[in-house]
Amino acid sequence: MRTEQEIFDLILGVAKADERIRAVLLSGSRANPAIPKDIYQDYDITYFVEDITPFYNNPAWVEECFGKPLIMQMPETMRYPVGDGSFNYLIIFPDGVRIDLSFQFERYIDNGEPAVVLLDKDNGNGFLPALPAPSDKHWHIKPPSPLFFYSCCNNFWWCLNNVAKGIARDELPYVIQMLNDEVRSELHDMIDYYIGTQHGFNISTGKGGKYFKKYLPAELYAQYCATYSGSDYVDIWASIDAMCDLFHTLAVMVAAHFGFTYRQEEEDGMREYLRMVKSN
């Protein structure tokens, strides 16, 4: 696999050789100083151009400049495309390097996500404004308001009724979708709130909670791992029990930290409903 420096030399070499490319921006994990570096990180690169037409749906140009891909995706050419007229090439090369190359034709608006200017041929008078030093502040955990805390709790317990009914009806795909998309989403929010109370709200737990293991005590992380199951309904019921127990533990501690009210009666009601469905 090529080194990071080799890839940056390639990206900048292409841009410097083409006057139509006016600026180059690095975003994503490689622009975020809080994320440990590894060989699997993508290179999220934006080329800013005044006329996007020559670069729009032009995979031959990509191959000529960067080499033949192992596989490539062009989201704007796929079904149900969405976008603002920009164009993206998501590329994996034979050595495993991945470059997500975006072409933009409008001035960059800083939304707080970490980004690094790699090249600006117009010295701040074109597509790129002056940017602050990159940080992961944009992704920091946000402390909950009373409404957000209550909504998280209520929706966690409420959506479990759909999981239980799906098990009773032998609707496995629905069960897994509801459990992992709806219920787990609320569990992840509560885990974030708890981690914030323990470590401060100036950190990020990463996309999909990928840094939970770093911030949760070992025993709580073990409980979290137990919330995943196979396709057997006995295992799924066990994972539901693990989810319920973990959510209760965290929610009570978060409520105590912020002085919120935890509505135990809602948990009790749903646990009783789960027992009813499970016993039928």
C-alpha atoms as a PDB file:
ATOM      1  CA  MET A   1       0.000   0.000   0.000  1.00  0.00           C
ATOM      2  CA  ARG A   2       1.285   3.448  -0.875  1.00  0.00           C
ATOM      3  CA  THR A   3       2.198   5.800   1.954  1.00  0.00           C
ATOM      4  CA  GLU A   4       0.170   8.833   2.974  1.00  0.00           C
ATOM      5  CA  GLN A   5       2.833  11.120   1.553  1.00  0.00           C
ATOM      6  CA  GLU A   6       2.737   9.309  -1.786  1.00  0.00           C
ATOM      7  CA  ILE A   7      -1.026   9.744  -1.994  1.00  0.00           C
ATOM      8  CA  PHE A   8      -0.908  13.424  -1.059  1.00  0.00           C
ATOM      9  CA  ASP A   9       1.820  13.933  -3.671  1.00  0.00           C
ATOM     10  CA  LEU A  10      -0.426  12.284  -6.252  1.00  0.00           C
ATOM     11  CA  ILE A  11      -3.507  14.329  -5.284  1.00  0.00           C
ATOM     12  CA  LEU A  12      -1.603  17.606  -5.314  1.00  0.00           C
ATOM     13  CA  GLY A  13       0.358  16.713  -8.414  1.00  0.00           C
ATOM     14  CA  VAL A  14      -2.839  16.223 -10.389  1.00  0.00           C
ATOM     15  CA  ALA A  15      -4.258  19.504  -9.083  1.00  0.00           C
ATOM     16  CA  LYS A  16      -1.127  21.547  -9.727  1.00  0.00           C
ATOM     17  CA  ALA A  17      -0.863  20.255 -13.294  1.00  0.00           C
ATOM     18  CA  ASP A  18      -4.440  21.246 -14.160  1.00  0.00           C
ATOM     19  CA  GLU A  19      -5.232  24.981 -14.113  1.00  0.00           C
ATOM     20  CA  ARG A  20      -8.950  24.174 -14.041  1.00  0.00           C
ATOM     21  CA  ILE A  21      -8.533  22.864 -10.495  1.00  0.00           C
ATOM     22  CA  ARG A  22      -8.254  25.967  -8.320  1.00  0.00           C
ATOM     23  CA  ALA A  23      -8.166  24.544  -4.783  1.00  0.00           C
ATOM     24  CA  VAL A  24      -7.880  21.280  -2.864  1.00  0.00           C
ATOM     25  CA  LEU A  25      -9.457  20.540   0.516  1.00  0.00           C
ATOM     26  CA  LEU A  26      -8.937  17.564   2.823  1.00  0.00           C
ATOM     27  CA  SER A  27     -11.823  16.600   5.113  1.00  0.00           C
ATOM     28  CA  GLY A  28     -12.974  13.483   6.943  1.00  0.00           C
ATOM     29  CA  SER A  29     -10.948  11.414   9.367  1.00  0.00           C
ATOM     30  CA  ARG A  30      -7.521  12.363   7.989  1.00  0.00           C
ATOM     31  CA  ALA A  31      -8.313  16.014   8.736  1.00  0.00           C
ATOM     32  CA  ASN A  32      -9.427  15.213  12.282  1.00  0.00           C
ATOM     33  CA  PRO A  33      -6.498  15.328  14.739  1.00  0.00           C
ATOM     34  CA  ALA A  34      -8.518  13.429  17.364  1.00  0.00           C
ATOM     35  CA  ILE A  35      -8.751  10.262  15.258  1.00  0.00           C
ATOM     36  CA  PRO A  36      -5.838   7.801  15.423  1.00  0.00           C
ATOM     37  CA  LYS A  37      -4.246   7.220  12.044  1.00  0.00           C
ATOM     38  CA  ASP A  38      -4.363   3.826  10.359  1.00  0.00           C
ATOM     39  CA  ILE A  39      -4.011   2.433   6.853  1.00  0.00           C
ATOM     40  CA  TYR A  40      -7.781   2.086   6.352  1.00  0.00           C
ATOM     41  CA  GLN A  41      -8.627   5.783   6.514  1.00  0.00           C
ATOM     42  CA  ASP A  42     -10.092   7.255   3.340  1.00  0.00           C
ATOM     43  CA  TYR A  43      -8.654  10.318   1.657  1.00  0.00           C
ATOM     44  CA  ASP A  44     -11.656  12.660   1.519  1.00  0.00           C
ATOM     45  CA  ILE A  45     -10.613  15.178  -1.115  1.00  0.00           C
ATOM     46  CA  THR A  46     -12.482  18.041  -2.764  1.00  0.00           C
ATOM     47  CA  TYR A  47     -11.286  19.638  -5.991  1.00  0.00           C
ATOM     48  CA  PHE A  48     -12.808  23.072  -6.565  1.00  0.00           C
ATOM     49  CA  VAL A  49     -13.385  23.976 -10.217  1.00  0.00           C
ATOM     50  CA  GLU A  50     -15.172  26.848 -11.942  1.00  0.00           C
ATOM     51  CA  ASP A  51     -16.636  24.578 -14.629  1.00  0.00           C
ATOM     52  CA  ILE A  52     -17.615  21.105 -13.481  1.00  0.00           C
ATOM     53  CA  THR A  53     -18.623  19.886 -16.932  1.00  0.00           C
ATOM     54  CA  PRO A  54     -15.254  18.340 -17.941  1.00  0.00           C
ATOM     55  CA  PHE A  55     -15.114  16.403 -14.667  1.00  0.00           C
ATOM     56  CA  TYR A  56     -18.743  15.309 -14.525  1.00  0.00           C
ATOM     57  CA  ASN A  57     -19.237  11.559 -15.119  1.00  0.00           C
ATOM     58  CA  ASN A  58     -15.767  11.246 -16.632  1.00  0.00           C
ATOM     59  CA  PRO A  59     -14.227   8.050 -15.201  1.00  0.00           C
ATOM     60  CA  ALA A  60     -11.674   8.012 -18.017  1.00  0.00           C
ATOM     61  CA  TRP A  61     -10.159  11.197 -16.576  1.00  0.00           C
ATOM     62  CA  VAL A  62      -9.930   9.573 -13.149  1.00  0.00           C
ATOM     63  CA  GLU A  63      -8.185   6.515 -14.573  1.00  0.00           C
ATOM     64  CA  GLU A  64      -5.793   8.634 -16.614  1.00  0.00           C
ATOM     65  CA  CYS A  65      -4.775  10.771 -13.628  1.00  0.00           C
ATOM     66  CA  PHE A  66      -4.966   8.334 -10.716  1.00  0.00           C
ATOM     67  CA  GLY A  67      -4.705   4.872 -12.243  1.00  0.00           C
ATOM     68  CA  LYS A  68      -7.143   2.061 -12.836  1.00  0.00           C
ATOM     69  CA  PRO A  69      -9.466   1.479  -9.855  1.00  0.00           C
ATOM     70  CA  LEU A  70     -10.151  -1.874  -8.282  1.00  0.00           C
ATOM     71  CA  ILE A  71     -13.758  -0.700  -7.949  1.00  0.00           C
ATOM     72  CA  MET A  72     -15.404   2.713  -8.166  1.00  0.00           C
ATOM     73  CA  GLN A  73     -18.775   4.222  -7.314  1.00  0.00           C
ATOM     74  CA  MET A  74     -20.217   7.423  -8.783  1.00  0.00           C
ATOM     75  CA  PRO A  75     -23.243   8.247  -6.592  1.00  0.00           C
ATOM     76  CA  GLU A  76     -24.664  10.853  -8.980  1.00  0.00           C
ATOM     77  CA  THR A  77     -25.021   8.230 -11.720  1.00  0.00           C
ATOM     78  CA  MET A  78     -26.832   5.688  -9.553  1.00  0.00           C
ATOM     79  CA  ARG A  79     -30.515   5.211  -8.872  1.00  0.00           C
ATOM     80  CA  TYR A  80     -32.255   7.962  -6.928  1.00  0.00           C
ATOM     81  CA  PRO A  81     -29.381  10.444  -7.220  1.00  0.00           C
ATOM     82  CA  VAL A  82     -29.415  13.456  -4.958  1.00  0.00           C
ATOM     83  CA  GLY A  83     -27.102  16.399  -5.021  1.00  0.00           C
ATOM     84  CA  ASP A  84     -26.505  20.003  -5.952  1.00  0.00           C
ATOM     85  CA  GLY A  85     -24.734  19.493  -9.259  1.00  0.00           C
ATOM     86  CA  SER A  86     -21.425  18.438  -7.756  1.00  0.00           C
ATOM     87  CA  PHE A  87     -19.892  15.086  -8.676  1.00  0.00           C
ATOM     88  CA  ASN A  88     -18.204  12.406  -6.593  1.00  0.00           C
ATOM     89  CA  TYR A  89     -15.896   9.515  -7.373  1.00  0.00           C
ATOM     90  CA  LEU A  90     -15.487   6.940  -4.589  1.00  0.00           C
ATOM     91  CA  ILE A  91     -12.445   4.905  -5.549  1.00  0.00           C
ATOM     92  CA  ILE A  92     -10.601   1.885  -4.159  1.00  0.00           C
ATOM     93  CA  PHE A  93      -7.298   1.163  -5.865  1.00  0.00           C
ATOM     94  CA  PRO A  94      -5.574  -2.225  -6.234  1.00  0.00           C
ATOM     95  CA  ASP A  95      -3.251  -1.532  -3.277  1.00  0.00           C
ATOM     96  CA  GLY A  96      -6.231  -0.885  -0.964  1.00  0.00           C
ATOM     97  CA  VAL A  97      -5.998   2.916  -0.917  1.00  0.00           C
ATOM     98  CA  ARG A  98      -9.389   4.626  -1.022  1.00  0.00           C
ATOM     99  CA  ILE A  99      -9.890   8.160  -2.287  1.00  0.00           C
ATOM    100  CA  ASP A 100     -13.289   9.852  -2.119  1.00  0.00           C
ATOM    101  CA  LEU A 101     -12.874  12.582  -4.711  1.00  0.00           C
ATOM    102  CA  SER A 102     -15.484  15.316  -4.935  1.00  0.00           C
ATOM    103  CA  PHE A 103     -15.716  18.084  -7.522  1.00  0.00           C
ATOM    104  CA  GLN A 104     -17.339  21.311  -6.327  1.00  0.00           C
ATOM    105  CA  PHE A 105     -18.015  24.529  -8.181  1.00  0.00           C
ATOM    106  CA  GLU A 106     -19.250  26.755  -5.340  1.00  0.00           C
ATOM    107  CA  ARG A 107     -17.345  28.548  -2.585  1.00  0.00           C
ATOM    108  CA  TYR A 108     -16.760  26.368   0.451  1.00  0.00           C
ATOM    109  CA  ILE A 109     -18.875  27.122   3.519  1.00  0.00           C
ATOM    110  CA  ASP A 110     -17.255  26.175   6.815  1.00  0.00           C
ATOM    111  CA  ASN A 111     -19.781  24.169   8.866  1.00  0.00           C
ATOM    112  CA  GLY A 112     -17.373  23.351  11.657  1.00  0.00           C
ATOM    113  CA  GLU A 113     -16.306  19.927  10.418  1.00  0.00           C
ATOM    114  CA  PRO A 114     -12.524  19.460  10.461  1.00  0.00           C
ATOM    115  CA  ALA A 115     -10.923  20.427   7.144  1.00  0.00           C
ATOM    116  CA  VAL A 116      -7.442  21.289   5.920  1.00  0.00           C
ATOM    117  CA  VAL A 117      -6.545  23.420   2.892  1.00  0.00           C
ATOM    118  CA  LEU A 118      -3.993  21.483   0.851  1.00  0.00           C
ATOM    119  CA  LEU A 119      -3.811  23.922  -2.058  1.00  0.00           C
ATOM    120  CA  ASP A 120      -5.324  27.306  -2.896  1.00  0.00           C
ATOM    121  CA  LYS A 121      -4.164  28.798  -6.163  1.00  0.00           C
ATOM    122  CA  ASP A 122      -6.237  31.935  -5.532  1.00  0.00           C
ATOM    123  CA  ASN A 123      -4.880  32.674  -2.050  1.00  0.00           C
ATOM    124  CA  GLY A 124      -8.219  33.076  -0.298  1.00  0.00           C
ATOM    125  CA  ASN A 125      -9.835  35.042  -3.106  1.00  0.00           C
ATOM    126  CA  GLY A 126     -11.498  32.068  -4.725  1.00  0.00           C
ATOM    127  CA  PHE A 127     -13.259  29.011  -3.378  1.00  0.00           C
ATOM    128  CA  LEU A 128     -11.687  28.687   0.064  1.00  0.00           C
ATOM    129  CA  PRO A 129     -11.921  31.087   3.007  1.00  0.00           C
ATOM    130  CA  ALA A 130      -9.386  31.095   5.808  1.00  0.00           C
ATOM    131  CA  LEU A 131     -10.126  28.069   7.993  1.00  0.00           C
ATOM    132  CA  PRO A 132      -9.393  27.560  11.698  1.00  0.00           C
ATOM    133  CA  ALA A 133      -7.152  24.752  12.865  1.00  0.00           C
ATOM    134  CA  PRO A 134      -9.096  21.489  12.485  1.00  0.00           C
ATOM    135  CA  SER A 135     -10.694  19.908  15.537  1.00  0.00           C
ATOM    136  CA  ASP A 136     -13.451  17.390  16.220  1.00  0.00           C
ATOM    137  CA  LYS A 137     -15.612  19.914  18.107  1.00  0.00           C
ATOM    138  CA  HIS A 138     -18.343  19.526  15.483  1.00  0.00           C
ATOM    139  CA  TRP A 139     -18.826  15.896  16.598  1.00  0.00           C
ATOM    140  CA  HIS A 140     -18.705  16.399  20.363  1.00  0.00           C
ATOM    141  CA  ILE A 141     -21.439  14.859  22.486  1.00  0.00           C
ATOM    142  CA  LYS A 142     -24.195  17.345  23.237  1.00  0.00           C
ATOM    143  CA  PRO A 143     -25.685  17.301  26.746  1.00  0.00           C
ATOM    144  CA  PRO A 144     -29.411  16.542  26.658  1.00  0.00           C
ATOM    145  CA  SER A 145     -32.163  18.958  27.548  1.00  0.00           C
ATOM    146  CA  PRO A 146     -34.965  17.540  29.734  1.00  0.00           C
ATOM    147  CA  LEU A 147     -37.061  17.083  26.583  1.00  0.00           C
ATOM    148  CA  PHE A 148     -34.309  15.233  24.703  1.00  0.00           C
ATOM    149  CA  PHE A 149     -33.651  12.993  27.703  1.00  0.00           C
ATOM    150  CA  TYR A 150     -37.327  12.139  28.111  1.00  0.00           C
ATOM    151  CA  SER A 151     -37.806  11.591  24.372  1.00  0.00           C
ATOM    152  CA  CYS A 152     -34.842   9.218  24.297  1.00  0.00           C
ATOM    153  CA  CYS A 153     -36.243   7.209  27.201  1.00  0.00           C
ATOM    154  CA  ASN A 154     -39.823   7.126  25.967  1.00  0.00           C
ATOM    155  CA  ASN A 155     -38.923   6.127  22.424  1.00  0.00           C
ATOM    156  CA  PHE A 156     -36.535   3.416  23.604  1.00  0.00           C
ATOM    157  CA  TRP A 157     -39.230   1.753  25.683  1.00  0.00           C
ATOM    158  CA  TRP A 158     -42.066   2.400  23.238  1.00  0.00           C
ATOM    159  CA  CYS A 159     -40.352   0.914  20.188  1.00  0.00           C
ATOM    160  CA  LEU A 160     -39.704  -2.338  22.033  1.00  0.00           C
ATOM    161  CA  ASN A 161     -43.396  -3.168  21.639  1.00  0.00           C
ATOM    162  CA  ASN A 162     -42.847  -3.447  17.894  1.00  0.00           C
ATOM    163  CA  VAL A 163     -39.877  -5.746  18.417  1.00  0.00           C
ATOM    164  CA  ALA A 164     -41.926  -8.028  20.656  1.00  0.00           C
ATOM    165  CA  LYS A 165     -44.837  -8.176  18.216  1.00  0.00           C
ATOM    166  CA  GLY A 166     -42.455  -8.967  15.397  1.00  0.00           C
ATOM    167  CA  ILE A 167     -41.053 -11.913  17.353  1.00  0.00           C
ATOM    168  CA  ALA A 168     -44.571 -13.146  18.122  1.00  0.00           C
ATOM    169  CA  ARG A 169     -45.427 -12.996  14.412  1.00  0.00           C
ATOM    170  CA  ASP A 170     -42.132 -14.618  13.334  1.00  0.00           C
ATOM    171  CA  GLU A 171     -41.144 -11.531  11.313  1.00  0.00           C
ATOM    172  CA  LEU A 172     -37.391 -11.768  11.762  1.00  0.00           C
ATOM    173  CA  PRO A 173     -36.314  -9.059   9.259  1.00  0.00           C
ATOM    174  CA  TYR A 174     -38.692  -6.561  10.874  1.00  0.00           C
ATOM    175  CA  VAL A 175     -37.516  -7.548  14.356  1.00  0.00           C
ATOM    176  CA  ILE A 176     -33.845  -7.006  13.520  1.00  0.00           C
ATOM    177  CA  GLN A 177     -34.522  -3.731  11.689  1.00  0.00           C
ATOM    178  CA  MET A 178     -36.610  -2.312  14.524  1.00  0.00           C
ATOM    179  CA  LEU A 179     -34.207  -3.491  17.217  1.00  0.00           C
ATOM    180  CA  ASN A 180     -31.019  -2.260  15.577  1.00  0.00           C
ATOM    181  CA  ASP A 181     -32.284   0.894  13.860  1.00  0.00           C
ATOM    182  CA  GLU A 182     -34.883   2.319  16.224  1.00  0.00           C
ATOM    183  CA  VAL A 183     -34.207   0.901  19.695  1.00  0.00           C
ATOM    184  CA  ARG A 184     -30.419   0.797  19.411  1.00  0.00           C
ATOM    185  CA  SER A 185     -30.356   4.387  18.194  1.00  0.00           C
ATOM    186  CA  GLU A 186     -31.880   5.533  21.491  1.00  0.00           C
ATOM    187  CA  LEU A 187     -29.519   3.285  23.462  1.00  0.00           C
ATOM    188  CA  HIS A 188     -26.578   4.878  21.664  1.00  0.00           C
ATOM    189  CA  ASP A 189     -27.824   8.355  22.565  1.00  0.00           C
ATOM    190  CA  MET A 190     -28.109   7.362  26.215  1.00  0.00           C
ATOM    191  CA  ILE A 191     -24.611   5.870  26.144  1.00  0.00           C
ATOM    192  CA  ASP A 192     -23.355   9.174  24.733  1.00  0.00           C
ATOM    193  CA  TYR A 193     -25.080  11.119  27.503  1.00  0.00           C
ATOM    194  CA  TYR A 194     -23.572   8.825  30.137  1.00  0.00           C
ATOM    195  CA  ILE A 195     -20.074   9.075  28.659  1.00  0.00           C
ATOM    196  CA  GLY A 196     -20.453  12.849  28.620  1.00  0.00           C
ATOM    197  CA  THR A 197     -21.271  12.877  32.329  1.00  0.00           C
ATOM    198  CA  GLN A 198     -18.163  10.806  33.057  1.00  0.00           C
ATOM    199  CA  HIS A 199     -15.600  12.302  30.669  1.00  0.00           C
ATOM    200  CA  GLY A 200     -17.020  15.706  29.783  1.00  0.00           C
ATOM    201  CA  PHE A 201     -18.880  16.846  26.690  1.00  0.00           C
ATOM    202  CA  ASN A 202     -15.790  17.857  24.757  1.00  0.00           C
ATOM    203  CA  ILE A 203     -15.257  14.415  23.198  1.00  0.00           C
ATOM    204  CA  SER A 204     -16.743  12.340  20.394  1.00  0.00           C
ATOM    205  CA  THR A 205     -17.663   8.658  20.556  1.00  0.00           C
ATOM    206  CA  GLY A 206     -17.290   8.337  16.792  1.00  0.00           C
ATOM    207  CA  LYS A 207     -19.629   7.290  14.040  1.00  0.00           C
ATOM    208  CA  GLY A 208     -21.907   4.483  15.179  1.00  0.00           C
ATOM    209  CA  GLY A 209     -20.370   4.533  18.657  1.00  0.00           C
ATOM    210  CA  LYS A 210     -17.110   3.050  17.425  1.00  0.00           C
ATOM    211  CA  TYR A 211     -15.240   4.513  20.421  1.00  0.00           C
ATOM    212  CA  PHE A 212     -17.646   3.217  23.084  1.00  0.00           C
ATOM    213  CA  LYS A 213     -15.046   0.661  24.155  1.00  0.00           C
ATOM    214  CA  LYS A 214     -12.576   3.482  24.822  1.00  0.00           C
ATOM    215  CA  TYR A 215     -14.886   5.406  27.148  1.00  0.00           C
ATOM    216  CA  LEU A 216     -17.156   2.843  28.827  1.00  0.00           C
ATOM    217  CA  PRO A 217     -16.041   0.928  31.917  1.00  0.00           C
ATOM    218  CA  ALA A 218     -15.244  -2.671  31.008  1.00  0.00           C
ATOM    219  CA  GLU A 219     -18.303  -4.082  32.748  1.00  0.00           C
ATOM    220  CA  LEU A 220     -20.665  -1.684  30.958  1.00  0.00           C
ATOM    221  CA  TYR A 221     -19.017  -2.361  27.622  1.00  0.00           C
ATOM    222  CA  ALA A 222     -19.467  -6.098  28.231  1.00  0.00           C
ATOM    223  CA  GLN A 223     -23.174  -5.425  28.858  1.00  0.00           C
ATOM    224  CA  TYR A 224     -23.308  -3.450  25.627  1.00  0.00           C
ATOM    225  CA  CYS A 225     -21.733  -6.310  23.668  1.00  0.00           C
ATOM    226  CA  ALA A 226     -24.421  -8.613  25.071  1.00  0.00           C
ATOM    227  CA  THR A 227     -27.093  -6.491  23.334  1.00  0.00           C
ATOM    228  CA  TYR A 228     -26.102  -8.057  19.998  1.00  0.00           C
ATOM    229  CA  SER A 229     -27.630 -11.365  19.028  1.00  0.00           C
ATOM    230  CA  GLY A 230     -27.914 -13.977  16.330  1.00  0.00           C
ATOM    231  CA  SER A 231     -31.109 -14.848  14.491  1.00  0.00           C
ATOM    232  CA  ASP A 232     -32.493 -17.257  17.090  1.00  0.00           C
ATOM    233  CA  TYR A 233     -35.408 -15.731  18.981  1.00  0.00           C
ATOM    234  CA  VAL A 234     -34.071 -17.035  22.300  1.00  0.00           C
ATOM    235  CA  ASP A 235     -30.888 -15.066  21.633  1.00  0.00           C
ATOM    236  CA  ILE A 236     -32.894 -12.018  20.563  1.00  0.00           C
ATOM    237  CA  TRP A 237     -34.928 -12.058  23.759  1.00  0.00           C
ATOM    238  CA  ALA A 238     -31.664 -12.264  25.721  1.00  0.00           C
ATOM    239  CA  SER A 239     -30.298  -9.265  23.817  1.00  0.00           C
ATOM    240  CA  ILE A 240     -33.507  -7.344  24.545  1.00  0.00           C
ATOM    241  CA  ASP A 241     -33.092  -8.076  28.259  1.00  0.00           C
ATOM    242  CA  ALA A 242     -29.489  -6.872  28.061  1.00  0.00           C
ATOM    243  CA  MET A 243     -30.580  -3.699  26.269  1.00  0.00           C
ATOM    244  CA  CYS A 244     -33.260  -2.994  28.863  1.00  0.00           C
ATOM    245  CA  ASP A 245     -30.944  -3.535  31.816  1.00  0.00           C
ATOM    246  CA  LEU A 246     -28.165  -1.413  30.323  1.00  0.00           C
ATOM    247  CA  PHE A 247     -30.506   1.388  29.311  1.00  0.00           C
ATOM    248  CA  HIS A 248     -32.023   1.480  32.809  1.00  0.00           C
ATOM    249  CA  THR A 249     -28.585   1.641  34.465  1.00  0.00           C
ATOM    250  CA  LEU A 250     -27.384   4.469  32.252  1.00  0.00           C
ATOM    251  CA  ALA A 251     -30.617   6.465  32.202  1.00  0.00           C
ATOM    252  CA  VAL A 252     -30.885   6.488  35.996  1.00  0.00           C
ATOM    253  CA  MET A 253     -27.304   7.753  36.312  1.00  0.00           C
ATOM    254  CA  VAL A 254     -27.786  10.389  33.608  1.00  0.00           C
ATOM    255  CA  ALA A 255     -31.001  11.571  35.251  1.00  0.00           C
ATOM    256  CA  ALA A 256     -29.259  11.866  38.610  1.00  0.00           C
ATOM    257  CA  HIS A 257     -26.383  13.825  37.056  1.00  0.00           C
ATOM    258  CA  PHE A 258     -28.640  16.423  35.441  1.00  0.00           C
ATOM    259  CA  GLY A 259     -31.446  16.442  37.999  1.00  0.00           C
ATOM    260  CA  PHE A 260     -33.920  15.026  35.461  1.00  0.00           C
ATOM    261  CA  THR A 261     -36.894  12.809  36.233  1.00  0.00           C
ATOM    262  CA  TYR A 262     -36.630   9.221  35.035  1.00  0.00           C
ATOM    263  CA  ARG A 263     -40.128   7.850  34.492  1.00  0.00           C
ATOM    264  CA  GLN A 264     -39.744   4.387  35.942  1.00  0.00           C
ATOM    265  CA  GLU A 265     -43.433   3.686  35.364  1.00  0.00           C
ATOM    266  CA  GLU A 266     -42.897   3.752  31.591  1.00  0.00           C
ATOM    267  CA  GLU A 267     -40.103   1.206  31.865  1.00  0.00           C
ATOM    268  CA  ASP A 268     -42.234  -0.944  34.172  1.00  0.00           C
ATOM    269  CA  GLY A 269     -45.144  -0.801  31.737  1.00  0.00           C
ATOM    270  CA  MET A 270     -43.082  -1.922  28.766  1.00  0.00           C
ATOM    271  CA  ARG A 271     -41.303  -4.641  30.709  1.00  0.00           C
ATOM    272  CA  GLU A 272     -44.720  -6.012  31.691  1.00  0.00           C
ATOM    273  CA  TYR A 273     -45.859  -5.891  28.050  1.00  0.00           C
ATOM    274  CA  LEU A 274     -42.692  -7.754  26.984  1.00  0.00           C
ATOM    275  CA  ARG A 275     -43.387 -10.447  29.579  1.00  0.00           C
ATOM    276  CA  MET A 276     -46.956 -10.784  28.287  1.00  0.00           C
ATOM    277  CA  VAL A 277     -45.873 -11.244  24.675  1.00  0.00           C
ATOM    278  CA  LYS A 278     -43.007 -13.577  25.563  1.00  0.00           C
ATOM    279  CA  SER A 279     -45.264 -15.843  27.627  1.00  0.00           C
ATOM    280  CA  ASN A 280     -47.909 -16.261  24.884  1.00  0.00           C
END
